[in-house]
């Protein structure tokens, strides 16, 4: 029974995330438990649990007396989020710099190489998204601090890939995405924590700045 309940919770989480990606749920939209439960033909309990998961991930916000809503970020909140994520991921990776193996470096090099092929073959830039996920998963793989990982994912990874997905693909060309990730690989191979920390931190700072500018322009328009 518990397994079935857990499966339903996962189903709702996936359903809401997909609705965010395809624009069904826009930032600031109200999320109604009863509507989702009826749509998926399930009870409200797993819907409630799923929303708690999404609140924890930062994709949904609960406002007392009003309800639950898809998170809507201001340009400043976007900059602050990327700023925080950049500092945390940079510090976390540098703290375990000596634990990355030649195999880890090879994986990162291969992922960056696939990004380069997307650019060279002029493939849809959407194909970069899963590669970016895999790249940062390898970086996170040596970090043995769940709290830190949770903060890193909440600050940037989840937000940029869901709430800001429609803008994320506009930030850089595929070739620029490749170069930005190759720089991290090169810094890891160099083994200088100062260089690596600066590289990862700036990786996020610049993305946050660009994302905030795009969202600000959209709000003005």
N, C-alpha and C. Protein backbone atom coordinates (compact mmCIF):
# COMPACT_ATOMS: atom_id res chain seq x y z
N UNK A 1 0.83 -1.21 0.00
CA UNK A 1 0.00 0.00 0.00
C UNK A 1 0.86 1.26 0.00
N UNK A 2 1.95 1.20 0.79
CA UNK A 2 2.85 2.34 0.87
C UNK A 2 3.55 2.57 -0.47
N UNK A 3 3.88 1.45 -1.13
CA UNK A 3 4.57 1.55 -2.43
C UNK A 3 3.65 2.23 -3.44
N UNK A 4 2.36 1.82 -3.42
CA UNK A 4 1.39 2.40 -4.35
C UNK A 4 1.22 3.89 -4.08
N UNK A 5 1.17 4.25 -2.82
CA UNK A 5 1.01 5.66 -2.43
C UNK A 5 2.20 6.47 -2.90
N UNK A 6 3.40 5.89 -2.70
CA UNK A 6 4.61 6.57 -3.12
C UNK A 6 4.63 6.76 -4.64
N UNK A 7 4.16 5.74 -5.36
CA UNK A 7 4.11 5.82 -6.82
C UNK A 7 3.17 6.93 -7.27
N UNK A 8 2.04 7.05 -6.64
CA UNK A 8 1.10 8.11 -6.97
C UNK A 8 1.71 9.49 -6.70
N UNK A 9 2.44 9.60 -5.61
CA UNK A 9 3.09 10.87 -5.28
C UNK A 9 4.09 11.24 -6.38
N UNK A 10 4.89 10.27 -6.80
CA UNK A 10 5.85 10.51 -7.89
C UNK A 10 5.14 10.91 -9.18
N UNK A 11 4.00 10.26 -9.43
CA UNK A 11 3.22 10.55 -10.63
C UNK A 11 2.77 12.01 -10.63
N UNK A 12 2.29 12.48 -9.48
CA UNK A 12 1.81 13.86 -9.38
C UNK A 12 2.97 14.84 -9.54
N UNK A 13 4.10 14.54 -8.91
CA UNK A 13 5.28 15.40 -9.04
C UNK A 13 5.67 15.54 -10.51
N UNK A 14 5.74 14.41 -11.20
CA UNK A 14 6.11 14.43 -12.62
C UNK A 14 5.08 15.18 -13.45
N UNK A 15 3.81 14.98 -13.14
CA UNK A 15 2.72 15.63 -13.87
C UNK A 15 2.80 17.15 -13.74
N UNK A 16 3.04 17.62 -12.53
CA UNK A 16 3.11 19.07 -12.30
C UNK A 16 4.36 19.66 -12.95
N UNK A 17 5.48 18.94 -12.86
CA UNK A 17 6.71 19.43 -13.49
C UNK A 17 6.55 19.54 -15.00
N UNK A 18 5.89 18.56 -15.60
CA UNK A 18 5.66 18.60 -17.04
C UNK A 18 4.73 19.75 -17.40
N UNK A 19 3.74 20.00 -16.53
CA UNK A 19 2.81 21.11 -16.77
C UNK A 19 3.53 22.45 -16.69
N UNK A 20 4.55 22.53 -15.84
CA UNK A 20 5.36 23.76 -15.76
C UNK A 20 6.17 23.92 -17.04
N UNK A 21 6.76 22.82 -17.50
CA UNK A 21 7.59 22.86 -18.70
C UNK A 21 6.80 23.23 -19.95
N UNK A 22 5.58 22.67 -20.07
CA UNK A 22 4.82 22.93 -21.30
C UNK A 22 3.96 24.20 -21.22
N UNK A 23 4.05 24.89 -20.08
CA UNK A 23 3.36 26.17 -19.96
C UNK A 23 1.93 26.09 -19.46
N UNK A 24 1.47 24.87 -19.14
CA UNK A 24 0.12 24.73 -18.57
C UNK A 24 0.05 25.46 -17.23
N UNK A 25 1.10 25.28 -16.44
CA UNK A 25 1.23 26.01 -15.18
C UNK A 25 2.27 27.09 -15.37
N UNK A 26 1.85 28.33 -15.37
CA UNK A 26 2.79 29.44 -15.50
C UNK A 26 3.18 29.93 -14.10
N UNK A 27 4.31 30.62 -13.98
CA UNK A 27 4.72 31.16 -12.68
C UNK A 27 3.59 32.00 -12.06
N UNK A 28 3.27 31.72 -10.81
CA UNK A 28 2.22 32.46 -10.12
C UNK A 28 0.86 31.79 -10.19
N UNK A 29 0.73 30.72 -11.02
CA UNK A 29 -0.56 30.03 -11.16
C UNK A 29 -0.89 29.26 -9.89
N UNK A 30 -2.18 29.23 -9.55
CA UNK A 30 -2.61 28.49 -8.36
C UNK A 30 -2.69 27.00 -8.68
N UNK A 31 -2.23 26.19 -7.74
CA UNK A 31 -2.27 24.74 -7.90
C UNK A 31 -3.36 24.19 -6.98
N UNK A 32 -4.38 23.57 -7.56
CA UNK A 32 -5.52 23.09 -6.77
C UNK A 32 -5.46 21.57 -6.62
N UNK A 33 -5.39 21.13 -5.37
CA UNK A 33 -5.29 19.70 -5.07
C UNK A 33 -6.45 18.91 -5.68
N UNK A 34 -7.66 19.40 -5.50
CA UNK A 34 -8.84 18.67 -5.95
C UNK A 34 -8.85 18.51 -7.47
N UNK A 35 -8.47 19.56 -8.18
CA UNK A 35 -8.45 19.51 -9.65
C UNK A 35 -7.46 18.45 -10.13
N UNK A 36 -6.28 18.42 -9.52
CA UNK A 36 -5.25 17.45 -9.91
C UNK A 36 -5.70 16.03 -9.57
N UNK A 37 -6.27 15.86 -8.39
CA UNK A 37 -6.74 14.54 -7.97
C UNK A 37 -7.80 14.00 -8.94
N UNK A 38 -8.73 14.85 -9.34
CA UNK A 38 -9.78 14.43 -10.28
C UNK A 38 -9.18 14.11 -11.65
N UNK A 39 -8.26 14.93 -12.08
CA UNK A 39 -7.65 14.72 -13.40
C UNK A 39 -6.92 13.38 -13.47
N UNK A 40 -6.21 13.03 -12.39
CA UNK A 40 -5.43 11.80 -12.36
C UNK A 40 -6.21 10.63 -11.76
N UNK A 41 -7.44 10.90 -11.33
CA UNK A 41 -8.30 9.85 -10.75
C UNK A 41 -7.65 9.18 -9.55
N UNK A 42 -7.14 9.99 -8.64
CA UNK A 42 -6.53 9.49 -7.41
C UNK A 42 -7.05 10.31 -6.23
N UNK A 43 -6.70 9.89 -5.03
CA UNK A 43 -7.13 10.62 -3.84
C UNK A 43 -6.28 11.87 -3.68
N UNK A 44 -6.67 12.73 -2.75
CA UNK A 44 -5.93 13.98 -2.56
C UNK A 44 -4.65 13.79 -1.74
N UNK A 45 -4.55 12.66 -1.02
CA UNK A 45 -3.38 12.44 -0.15
C UNK A 45 -2.06 12.48 -0.92
N UNK A 46 -1.89 11.70 -2.00
CA UNK A 46 -0.62 11.77 -2.74
C UNK A 46 -0.39 13.12 -3.41
N UNK A 47 -1.48 13.81 -3.77
CA UNK A 47 -1.35 15.14 -4.36
C UNK A 47 -0.76 16.09 -3.32
N UNK A 48 -1.28 15.98 -2.09
CA UNK A 48 -0.80 16.81 -1.00
C UNK A 48 0.69 16.54 -0.73
N UNK A 49 1.05 15.26 -0.75
CA UNK A 49 2.45 14.88 -0.52
C UNK A 49 3.34 15.40 -1.65
N UNK A 50 2.85 15.30 -2.87
CA UNK A 50 3.62 15.76 -4.03
C UNK A 50 3.88 17.26 -3.94
N UNK A 51 2.89 18.00 -3.51
CA UNK A 51 3.05 19.44 -3.39
C UNK A 51 4.07 19.79 -2.32
N UNK A 52 4.13 18.98 -1.26
CA UNK A 52 5.14 19.20 -0.23
C UNK A 52 6.55 18.97 -0.79
N UNK A 53 6.67 17.97 -1.67
CA UNK A 53 7.95 17.71 -2.33
C UNK A 53 8.35 18.90 -3.19
N UNK A 54 7.39 19.44 -3.93
CA UNK A 54 7.67 20.56 -4.82
C UNK A 54 7.94 21.85 -4.05
N UNK A 55 7.31 21.99 -2.89
CA UNK A 55 7.61 23.14 -2.03
C UNK A 55 9.06 23.05 -1.56
N UNK A 56 9.47 21.85 -1.18
CA UNK A 56 10.84 21.63 -0.72
C UNK A 56 11.84 21.93 -1.83
N UNK A 57 11.46 21.63 -3.08
CA UNK A 57 12.34 21.86 -4.22
C UNK A 57 12.30 23.32 -4.68
N UNK A 58 11.35 24.09 -4.14
CA UNK A 58 11.28 25.50 -4.51
C UNK A 58 10.41 25.80 -5.71
N UNK A 59 9.75 24.77 -6.26
CA UNK A 59 8.93 24.97 -7.45
C UNK A 59 7.51 25.42 -7.13
N UNK A 60 7.09 25.16 -5.90
CA UNK A 60 5.76 25.57 -5.44
C UNK A 60 5.92 26.32 -4.12
N UNK A 61 5.09 27.33 -3.91
CA UNK A 61 5.13 28.10 -2.68
C UNK A 61 3.74 28.06 -2.03
N UNK A 62 3.72 27.94 -0.71
CA UNK A 62 2.45 27.95 0.02
C UNK A 62 2.26 29.30 0.68
N UNK A 63 1.13 29.94 0.40
CA UNK A 63 0.80 31.23 1.00
C UNK A 63 -0.39 31.03 1.94
N UNK A 64 -0.19 31.21 3.24
CA UNK A 64 -1.27 31.00 4.21
C UNK A 64 -2.55 31.75 3.82
N UNK A 65 -3.67 31.12 4.01
CA UNK A 65 -5.00 31.66 3.73
C UNK A 65 -5.30 31.80 2.24
N UNK A 66 -4.32 31.53 1.39
CA UNK A 66 -4.53 31.69 -0.05
C UNK A 66 -4.37 30.38 -0.82
N UNK A 67 -3.39 29.59 -0.45
CA UNK A 67 -3.20 28.32 -1.13
C UNK A 67 -1.78 28.12 -1.64
N UNK A 68 -1.65 27.20 -2.58
CA UNK A 68 -0.35 26.84 -3.15
C UNK A 68 -0.25 27.34 -4.58
N UNK A 69 0.90 27.88 -4.92
CA UNK A 69 1.10 28.50 -6.23
C UNK A 69 2.45 28.08 -6.83
N UNK A 70 2.53 28.06 -8.16
CA UNK A 70 3.80 27.86 -8.82
C UNK A 70 4.68 29.07 -8.50
N UNK A 71 5.89 28.81 -8.10
CA UNK A 71 6.79 29.89 -7.69
C UNK A 71 7.03 30.87 -8.83
N UNK A 72 6.96 32.14 -8.51
CA UNK A 72 7.28 33.19 -9.48
C UNK A 72 8.41 34.03 -8.90
N UNK A 73 9.51 34.12 -9.64
CA UNK A 73 10.69 34.81 -9.15
C UNK A 73 10.85 36.17 -9.80
N UNK A 74 11.24 37.15 -9.02
CA UNK A 74 11.58 38.46 -9.55
C UNK A 74 12.99 38.40 -10.11
N UNK A 75 13.40 39.37 -10.94
CA UNK A 75 14.78 39.38 -11.45
C UNK A 75 15.81 39.33 -10.32
N UNK A 76 15.55 40.04 -9.23
CA UNK A 76 16.49 40.03 -8.10
C UNK A 76 16.56 38.64 -7.47
N UNK A 77 15.42 38.00 -7.31
CA UNK A 77 15.40 36.66 -6.74
C UNK A 77 16.15 35.67 -7.63
N UNK A 78 16.06 35.87 -8.93
CA UNK A 78 16.79 35.01 -9.87
C UNK A 78 18.29 35.21 -9.70
N UNK A 79 18.72 36.46 -9.66
CA UNK A 79 20.15 36.75 -9.46
C UNK A 79 20.63 36.17 -8.13
N UNK A 80 19.84 36.38 -7.09
CA UNK A 80 20.22 35.89 -5.76
C UNK A 80 20.31 34.37 -5.75
N UNK A 81 19.38 33.72 -6.46
CA UNK A 81 19.36 32.26 -6.49
C UNK A 81 20.61 31.71 -7.16
N UNK A 82 20.94 32.26 -8.32
CA UNK A 82 22.14 31.80 -9.03
C UNK A 82 23.41 32.17 -8.27
N UNK A 83 23.42 33.33 -7.64
CA UNK A 83 24.57 33.76 -6.84
C UNK A 83 24.81 32.74 -5.72
N UNK A 84 23.74 32.38 -5.02
CA UNK A 84 23.84 31.43 -3.92
C UNK A 84 24.26 30.05 -4.42
N UNK A 85 23.61 29.60 -5.50
CA UNK A 85 23.94 28.29 -6.05
C UNK A 85 25.38 28.20 -6.52
N UNK A 86 25.87 29.29 -7.12
CA UNK A 86 27.25 29.30 -7.61
C UNK A 86 28.25 29.19 -6.48
N UNK A 87 28.02 29.92 -5.41
CA UNK A 87 28.92 29.88 -4.25
C UNK A 87 28.90 28.48 -3.62
N UNK A 88 27.70 27.93 -3.44
CA UNK A 88 27.58 26.63 -2.78
C UNK A 88 28.20 25.51 -3.61
N UNK A 89 27.89 25.47 -4.91
CA UNK A 89 28.44 24.39 -5.73
C UNK A 89 29.94 24.51 -5.87
N UNK A 90 30.43 25.72 -6.02
CA UNK A 90 31.87 25.92 -6.13
C UNK A 90 32.59 25.45 -4.87
N UNK A 91 32.06 25.85 -3.73
CA UNK A 91 32.68 25.46 -2.46
C UNK A 91 32.60 23.94 -2.26
N UNK A 92 31.45 23.37 -2.61
CA UNK A 92 31.25 21.93 -2.41
C UNK A 92 32.19 21.11 -3.28
N UNK A 93 32.32 21.48 -4.55
CA UNK A 93 33.19 20.75 -5.47
C UNK A 93 34.65 20.89 -5.05
N UNK A 94 35.05 22.09 -4.69
CA UNK A 94 36.44 22.32 -4.29
C UNK A 94 36.80 21.57 -3.01
N UNK A 95 35.81 21.39 -2.14
CA UNK A 95 36.06 20.68 -0.86
C UNK A 95 36.40 19.21 -1.09
N UNK A 96 35.95 18.66 -2.22
CA UNK A 96 36.23 17.24 -2.51
C UNK A 96 37.05 17.11 -3.79
N UNK A 97 37.79 18.12 -4.11
CA UNK A 97 38.57 18.14 -5.36
C UNK A 97 39.46 16.92 -5.51
N UNK A 98 40.08 16.48 -4.41
CA UNK A 98 41.00 15.35 -4.48
C UNK A 98 40.30 14.00 -4.62
N UNK A 99 38.97 14.00 -4.59
CA UNK A 99 38.24 12.74 -4.68
C UNK A 99 37.75 12.42 -6.10
N UNK A 100 37.87 13.36 -7.01
CA UNK A 100 37.47 13.09 -8.39
C UNK A 100 38.51 12.19 -9.04
N UNK A 101 38.02 11.13 -9.64
CA UNK A 101 38.90 10.12 -10.22
C UNK A 101 39.13 10.39 -11.71
N UNK A 102 40.14 9.73 -12.29
CA UNK A 102 40.33 9.86 -13.73
C UNK A 102 39.08 9.47 -14.51
N UNK A 103 38.33 8.51 -13.96
CA UNK A 103 37.09 8.09 -14.62
C UNK A 103 36.06 9.21 -14.59
N UNK A 104 35.98 9.92 -13.46
CA UNK A 104 35.06 11.07 -13.36
C UNK A 104 35.41 12.12 -14.40
N UNK A 105 36.70 12.41 -14.50
CA UNK A 105 37.15 13.43 -15.45
C UNK A 105 36.86 13.00 -16.89
N UNK A 106 37.01 11.70 -17.15
CA UNK A 106 36.72 11.19 -18.48
C UNK A 106 35.24 11.35 -18.81
N UNK A 107 34.38 11.06 -17.82
CA UNK A 107 32.93 11.21 -18.02
C UNK A 107 32.59 12.66 -18.34
N UNK A 108 33.15 13.58 -17.57
CA UNK A 108 32.88 15.01 -17.79
C UNK A 108 33.38 15.45 -19.17
N UNK A 109 34.56 14.95 -19.55
CA UNK A 109 35.12 15.28 -20.86
C UNK A 109 34.22 14.76 -21.97
N UNK A 110 33.68 13.56 -21.80
CA UNK A 110 32.81 12.97 -22.81
C UNK A 110 31.50 13.74 -22.93
N UNK A 111 30.96 14.16 -21.79
CA UNK A 111 29.71 14.93 -21.81
C UNK A 111 29.92 16.27 -22.50
N UNK A 112 31.04 16.93 -22.18
CA UNK A 112 31.35 18.20 -22.83
C UNK A 112 31.54 17.99 -24.33
N UNK A 113 32.12 16.85 -24.69
CA UNK A 113 32.32 16.53 -26.10
C UNK A 113 31.00 16.36 -26.84
N UNK A 114 30.02 15.76 -26.17
CA UNK A 114 28.69 15.60 -26.77
C UNK A 114 28.02 16.96 -26.95
N UNK A 115 28.27 17.87 -26.01
CA UNK A 115 27.74 19.24 -26.15
C UNK A 115 28.35 19.90 -27.39
N UNK A 116 29.64 19.66 -27.58
CA UNK A 116 30.33 20.24 -28.74
C UNK A 116 29.72 19.69 -30.04
N UNK A 117 29.38 18.41 -30.05
CA UNK A 117 28.80 17.80 -31.25
C UNK A 117 27.41 18.38 -31.54
N UNK A 118 26.65 18.66 -30.49
CA UNK A 118 25.33 19.29 -30.67
C UNK A 118 25.52 20.61 -31.40
N UNK A 119 26.53 21.37 -30.99
CA UNK A 119 26.80 22.67 -31.62
C UNK A 119 27.29 22.50 -33.05
N UNK A 120 28.25 21.61 -33.25
CA UNK A 120 28.84 21.44 -34.58
C UNK A 120 27.84 20.88 -35.58
N UNK A 121 26.95 20.01 -35.12
CA UNK A 121 25.95 19.41 -36.02
C UNK A 121 24.68 20.24 -36.12
N UNK A 122 24.69 21.39 -35.43
CA UNK A 122 23.55 22.30 -35.42
C UNK A 122 22.25 21.57 -35.04
N UNK A 123 22.36 20.72 -34.03
CA UNK A 123 21.19 20.01 -33.51
C UNK A 123 20.39 20.96 -32.63
N UNK A 124 19.12 20.63 -32.36
CA UNK A 124 18.30 21.48 -31.48
C UNK A 124 18.98 21.65 -30.13
N UNK A 125 19.03 22.88 -29.63
CA UNK A 125 19.74 23.15 -28.38
C UNK A 125 19.09 22.44 -27.20
N UNK A 126 17.82 22.02 -27.34
CA UNK A 126 17.15 21.27 -26.27
C UNK A 126 17.92 20.01 -25.91
N UNK A 127 18.73 19.50 -26.84
CA UNK A 127 19.48 18.28 -26.57
C UNK A 127 20.63 18.53 -25.59
N UNK A 128 20.89 19.80 -25.33
CA UNK A 128 21.92 20.15 -24.35
C UNK A 128 21.42 19.89 -22.92
N UNK A 129 20.11 20.02 -22.71
CA UNK A 129 19.56 19.96 -21.35
C UNK A 129 19.91 18.68 -20.60
N UNK A 130 19.66 17.48 -21.16
CA UNK A 130 20.03 16.26 -20.42
C UNK A 130 21.53 16.13 -20.22
N UNK A 131 22.30 16.68 -21.14
CA UNK A 131 23.76 16.63 -21.00
C UNK A 131 24.21 17.51 -19.84
N UNK A 132 23.58 18.67 -19.72
CA UNK A 132 23.89 19.57 -18.60
C UNK A 132 23.54 18.88 -17.28
N UNK A 133 22.41 18.20 -17.24
CA UNK A 133 22.01 17.47 -16.03
C UNK A 133 23.04 16.41 -15.67
N UNK A 134 23.48 15.65 -16.67
CA UNK A 134 24.46 14.59 -16.43
C UNK A 134 25.79 15.17 -15.95
N UNK A 135 26.17 16.29 -16.52
CA UNK A 135 27.44 16.93 -16.16
C UNK A 135 27.45 17.29 -14.68
N UNK A 136 26.40 17.97 -14.24
CA UNK A 136 26.36 18.40 -12.84
C UNK A 136 26.11 17.24 -11.89
N UNK A 137 25.48 16.17 -12.39
CA UNK A 137 25.31 14.97 -11.56
C UNK A 137 26.67 14.35 -11.25
N UNK A 138 27.56 14.34 -12.23
CA UNK A 138 28.91 13.83 -11.99
C UNK A 138 29.64 14.72 -10.98
N UNK A 139 29.49 16.03 -11.12
CA UNK A 139 30.12 16.94 -10.15
C UNK A 139 29.59 16.68 -8.74
N UNK A 140 28.28 16.47 -8.64
CA UNK A 140 27.66 16.25 -7.33
C UNK A 140 27.99 14.88 -6.74
N UNK A 141 28.41 13.94 -7.59
CA UNK A 141 28.57 12.55 -7.16
C UNK A 141 29.60 12.36 -6.04
N UNK A 142 30.56 13.26 -5.91
CA UNK A 142 31.60 13.12 -4.88
C UNK A 142 31.30 13.93 -3.62
N UNK A 143 30.18 14.64 -3.63
CA UNK A 143 29.83 15.49 -2.49
C UNK A 143 28.97 14.69 -1.51
N UNK A 144 29.50 14.41 -0.34
CA UNK A 144 28.81 13.60 0.67
C UNK A 144 28.18 14.50 1.73
N UNK A 145 27.27 15.36 1.28
CA UNK A 145 26.60 16.28 2.19
C UNK A 145 25.21 16.55 1.61
N UNK A 146 24.22 15.79 2.06
CA UNK A 146 22.88 15.87 1.48
C UNK A 146 22.25 17.26 1.64
N UNK A 147 22.51 17.90 2.77
CA UNK A 147 21.94 19.23 2.99
C UNK A 147 22.50 20.22 1.98
N UNK A 148 23.80 20.15 1.76
CA UNK A 148 24.43 21.04 0.79
C UNK A 148 23.93 20.76 -0.62
N UNK A 149 23.79 19.49 -0.95
CA UNK A 149 23.28 19.13 -2.27
C UNK A 149 21.86 19.65 -2.48
N UNK A 150 21.06 19.54 -1.43
CA UNK A 150 19.67 20.02 -1.52
C UNK A 150 19.63 21.52 -1.79
N UNK A 151 20.48 22.27 -1.10
CA UNK A 151 20.53 23.72 -1.31
C UNK A 151 21.03 24.06 -2.71
N UNK A 152 22.03 23.30 -3.19
CA UNK A 152 22.55 23.54 -4.54
C UNK A 152 21.46 23.33 -5.59
N UNK A 153 20.76 22.22 -5.47
CA UNK A 153 19.71 21.90 -6.44
C UNK A 153 18.57 22.89 -6.38
N UNK A 154 18.20 23.27 -5.16
CA UNK A 154 17.10 24.21 -5.01
C UNK A 154 17.47 25.58 -5.57
N UNK A 155 18.71 26.01 -5.37
CA UNK A 155 19.12 27.35 -5.80
C UNK A 155 19.14 27.51 -7.31
N UNK A 156 19.63 26.50 -8.01
CA UNK A 156 19.78 26.69 -9.46
C UNK A 156 19.21 25.58 -10.32
N UNK A 157 19.62 24.35 -10.04
CA UNK A 157 19.28 23.26 -10.96
C UNK A 157 17.78 23.12 -11.21
N UNK A 158 17.01 23.00 -10.14
CA UNK A 158 15.56 22.83 -10.31
C UNK A 158 14.90 24.06 -10.89
N UNK A 159 15.28 25.22 -10.40
CA UNK A 159 14.66 26.45 -10.85
C UNK A 159 14.90 26.70 -12.34
N UNK A 160 16.15 26.58 -12.77
CA UNK A 160 16.47 26.90 -14.16
C UNK A 160 15.88 25.88 -15.12
N UNK A 161 15.78 24.60 -14.69
CA UNK A 161 15.30 23.56 -15.60
C UNK A 161 13.78 23.47 -15.63
N UNK A 162 13.11 24.12 -14.72
CA UNK A 162 11.64 24.05 -14.70
C UNK A 162 11.00 25.43 -14.77
N UNK A 163 11.12 26.22 -13.71
CA UNK A 163 10.48 27.53 -13.67
C UNK A 163 10.96 28.43 -14.79
N UNK A 164 12.25 28.32 -15.12
CA UNK A 164 12.83 29.24 -16.09
C UNK A 164 13.27 28.54 -17.37
N UNK A 165 12.71 27.35 -17.59
CA UNK A 165 13.16 26.53 -18.71
C UNK A 165 13.03 27.24 -20.06
N UNK A 166 11.92 27.95 -20.25
CA UNK A 166 11.69 28.61 -21.54
C UNK A 166 12.75 29.68 -21.81
N UNK A 167 13.36 30.20 -20.73
CA UNK A 167 14.42 31.20 -20.89
C UNK A 167 15.81 30.55 -20.88
N UNK A 168 15.92 29.43 -20.17
CA UNK A 168 17.22 28.78 -20.03
C UNK A 168 17.85 28.48 -21.39
N UNK A 169 17.02 28.07 -22.34
CA UNK A 169 17.52 27.71 -23.66
C UNK A 169 17.94 28.94 -24.48
N UNK A 170 17.61 30.14 -23.98
CA UNK A 170 17.97 31.36 -24.71
C UNK A 170 19.27 31.98 -24.20
N UNK A 171 19.77 31.48 -23.09
CA UNK A 171 20.91 32.13 -22.44
C UNK A 171 22.18 32.10 -23.28
N UNK A 172 22.46 30.94 -23.87
CA UNK A 172 23.71 30.76 -24.60
C UNK A 172 23.48 29.94 -25.87
N UNK A 173 24.37 30.08 -26.82
CA UNK A 173 24.34 29.20 -27.98
C UNK A 173 24.87 27.84 -27.53
N UNK A 174 24.63 26.82 -28.33
CA UNK A 174 25.12 25.48 -27.98
C UNK A 174 26.65 25.48 -27.85
N UNK A 175 27.32 26.25 -28.72
CA UNK A 175 28.79 26.31 -28.65
C UNK A 175 29.24 26.98 -27.35
N UNK A 176 28.54 28.00 -26.94
CA UNK A 176 28.87 28.67 -25.68
C UNK A 176 28.66 27.74 -24.48
N UNK A 177 27.59 26.96 -24.54
CA UNK A 177 27.33 26.00 -23.46
C UNK A 177 28.48 25.00 -23.37
N UNK A 178 28.92 24.52 -24.53
CA UNK A 178 30.06 23.60 -24.56
C UNK A 178 31.30 24.24 -23.93
N UNK A 179 31.63 25.44 -24.35
CA UNK A 179 32.83 26.11 -23.84
C UNK A 179 32.77 26.33 -22.33
N UNK A 180 31.59 26.70 -21.83
CA UNK A 180 31.43 26.96 -20.40
C UNK A 180 31.66 25.69 -19.57
N UNK A 181 31.22 24.56 -20.09
CA UNK A 181 31.42 23.31 -19.36
C UNK A 181 32.83 22.76 -19.55
N UNK A 182 33.39 22.99 -20.71
CA UNK A 182 34.77 22.56 -20.94
C UNK A 182 35.73 23.32 -20.02
N UNK A 183 35.42 24.57 -19.74
CA UNK A 183 36.25 25.36 -18.81
C UNK A 183 36.27 24.72 -17.43
N UNK A 184 35.13 24.20 -17.00
CA UNK A 184 35.07 23.53 -15.69
C UNK A 184 35.90 22.26 -15.71
N UNK A 185 35.80 21.50 -16.79
CA UNK A 185 36.60 20.28 -16.92
C UNK A 185 38.09 20.61 -16.85
N UNK A 186 38.49 21.64 -17.59
CA UNK A 186 39.90 22.04 -17.60
C UNK A 186 40.37 22.48 -16.22
N UNK A 187 39.51 23.20 -15.51
CA UNK A 187 39.87 23.66 -14.16
C UNK A 187 39.99 22.48 -13.20
N UNK A 188 39.11 21.50 -13.35
CA UNK A 188 39.19 20.29 -12.52
C UNK A 188 40.49 19.56 -12.78
N UNK A 189 40.85 19.43 -14.03
CA UNK A 189 42.07 18.72 -14.40
C UNK A 189 43.32 19.46 -13.93
N UNK A 190 43.22 20.80 -13.91
CA UNK A 190 44.35 21.61 -13.43
C UNK A 190 44.58 21.39 -11.94
N UNK A 191 43.48 21.19 -11.20
CA UNK A 191 43.60 20.85 -9.78
C UNK A 191 43.86 22.00 -8.84
N UNK A 192 43.72 23.22 -9.33
CA UNK A 192 43.91 24.39 -8.47
C UNK A 192 42.55 24.81 -7.92
N UNK A 193 42.33 24.66 -6.60
CA UNK A 193 41.01 24.98 -6.04
C UNK A 193 40.59 26.44 -6.23
N UNK A 194 41.54 27.36 -6.26
CA UNK A 194 41.21 28.77 -6.45
C UNK A 194 40.65 29.00 -7.85
N UNK A 195 41.32 28.41 -8.84
CA UNK A 195 40.88 28.53 -10.23
C UNK A 195 39.53 27.85 -10.41
N UNK A 196 39.38 26.66 -9.84
CA UNK A 196 38.14 25.91 -9.98
C UNK A 196 36.97 26.63 -9.31
N UNK A 197 37.20 27.13 -8.11
CA UNK A 197 36.14 27.84 -7.40
C UNK A 197 35.66 29.04 -8.18
N UNK A 198 36.58 29.81 -8.74
CA UNK A 198 36.23 30.98 -9.53
C UNK A 198 35.48 30.59 -10.79
N UNK A 199 35.90 29.51 -11.43
CA UNK A 199 35.28 29.05 -12.67
C UNK A 199 33.82 28.66 -12.46
N UNK A 200 33.56 27.84 -11.43
CA UNK A 200 32.20 27.38 -11.17
C UNK A 200 31.32 28.54 -10.70
N UNK A 201 31.87 29.37 -9.84
CA UNK A 201 31.10 30.50 -9.31
C UNK A 201 30.67 31.42 -10.45
N UNK A 202 31.61 31.75 -11.34
CA UNK A 202 31.29 32.64 -12.47
C UNK A 202 30.34 31.98 -13.47
N UNK A 203 30.42 30.65 -13.56
CA UNK A 203 29.52 29.88 -14.42
C UNK A 203 28.06 30.20 -14.07
N UNK A 204 27.78 30.28 -12.77
CA UNK A 204 26.43 30.57 -12.30
C UNK A 204 26.13 32.07 -12.26
N UNK A 205 27.09 32.85 -11.85
CA UNK A 205 26.86 34.30 -11.76
C UNK A 205 26.42 34.86 -13.10
N UNK A 206 27.13 34.48 -14.16
CA UNK A 206 26.82 35.02 -15.49
C UNK A 206 25.45 34.54 -15.97
N UNK A 207 25.15 33.25 -15.71
CA UNK A 207 23.85 32.72 -16.12
C UNK A 207 22.72 33.44 -15.38
N UNK A 208 22.92 33.68 -14.09
CA UNK A 208 21.89 34.37 -13.31
C UNK A 208 21.66 35.79 -13.79
N UNK A 209 22.74 36.46 -14.14
CA UNK A 209 22.65 37.84 -14.64
C UNK A 209 21.86 37.87 -15.95
N UNK A 210 22.18 36.96 -16.84
CA UNK A 210 21.49 36.92 -18.14
C UNK A 210 20.01 36.53 -17.97
N UNK A 211 19.77 35.54 -17.10
CA UNK A 211 18.40 35.11 -16.87
C UNK A 211 17.55 36.24 -16.30
N UNK A 212 18.11 36.97 -15.34
CA UNK A 212 17.38 38.10 -14.71
C UNK A 212 17.06 39.16 -15.74
N UNK A 213 17.99 39.43 -16.64
CA UNK A 213 17.79 40.45 -17.67
C UNK A 213 16.68 40.02 -18.63
N UNK A 214 16.64 38.76 -19.00
CA UNK A 214 15.60 38.26 -19.90
C UNK A 214 14.23 38.37 -19.25
N UNK A 215 14.15 37.96 -17.99
CA UNK A 215 12.87 37.98 -17.27
C UNK A 215 12.41 39.41 -17.02
N UNK A 216 13.35 40.32 -16.75
CA UNK A 216 13.00 41.71 -16.54
C UNK A 216 12.43 42.32 -17.82
N UNK A 217 13.04 41.99 -18.94
CA UNK A 217 12.57 42.49 -20.23
C UNK A 217 11.18 41.94 -20.55
N UNK A 218 10.94 40.68 -20.18
CA UNK A 218 9.63 40.09 -20.41
C UNK A 218 8.57 40.76 -19.55
N UNK A 219 8.91 41.06 -18.31
CA UNK A 219 7.95 41.73 -17.42
C UNK A 219 7.59 43.13 -17.92
N UNK A 220 8.62 43.81 -18.45
CA UNK A 220 8.38 45.16 -18.97
C UNK A 220 7.52 45.12 -20.23
N UNK A 221 7.73 44.04 -21.02
CA UNK A 221 6.97 43.92 -22.25
C UNK A 221 5.53 43.54 -22.01
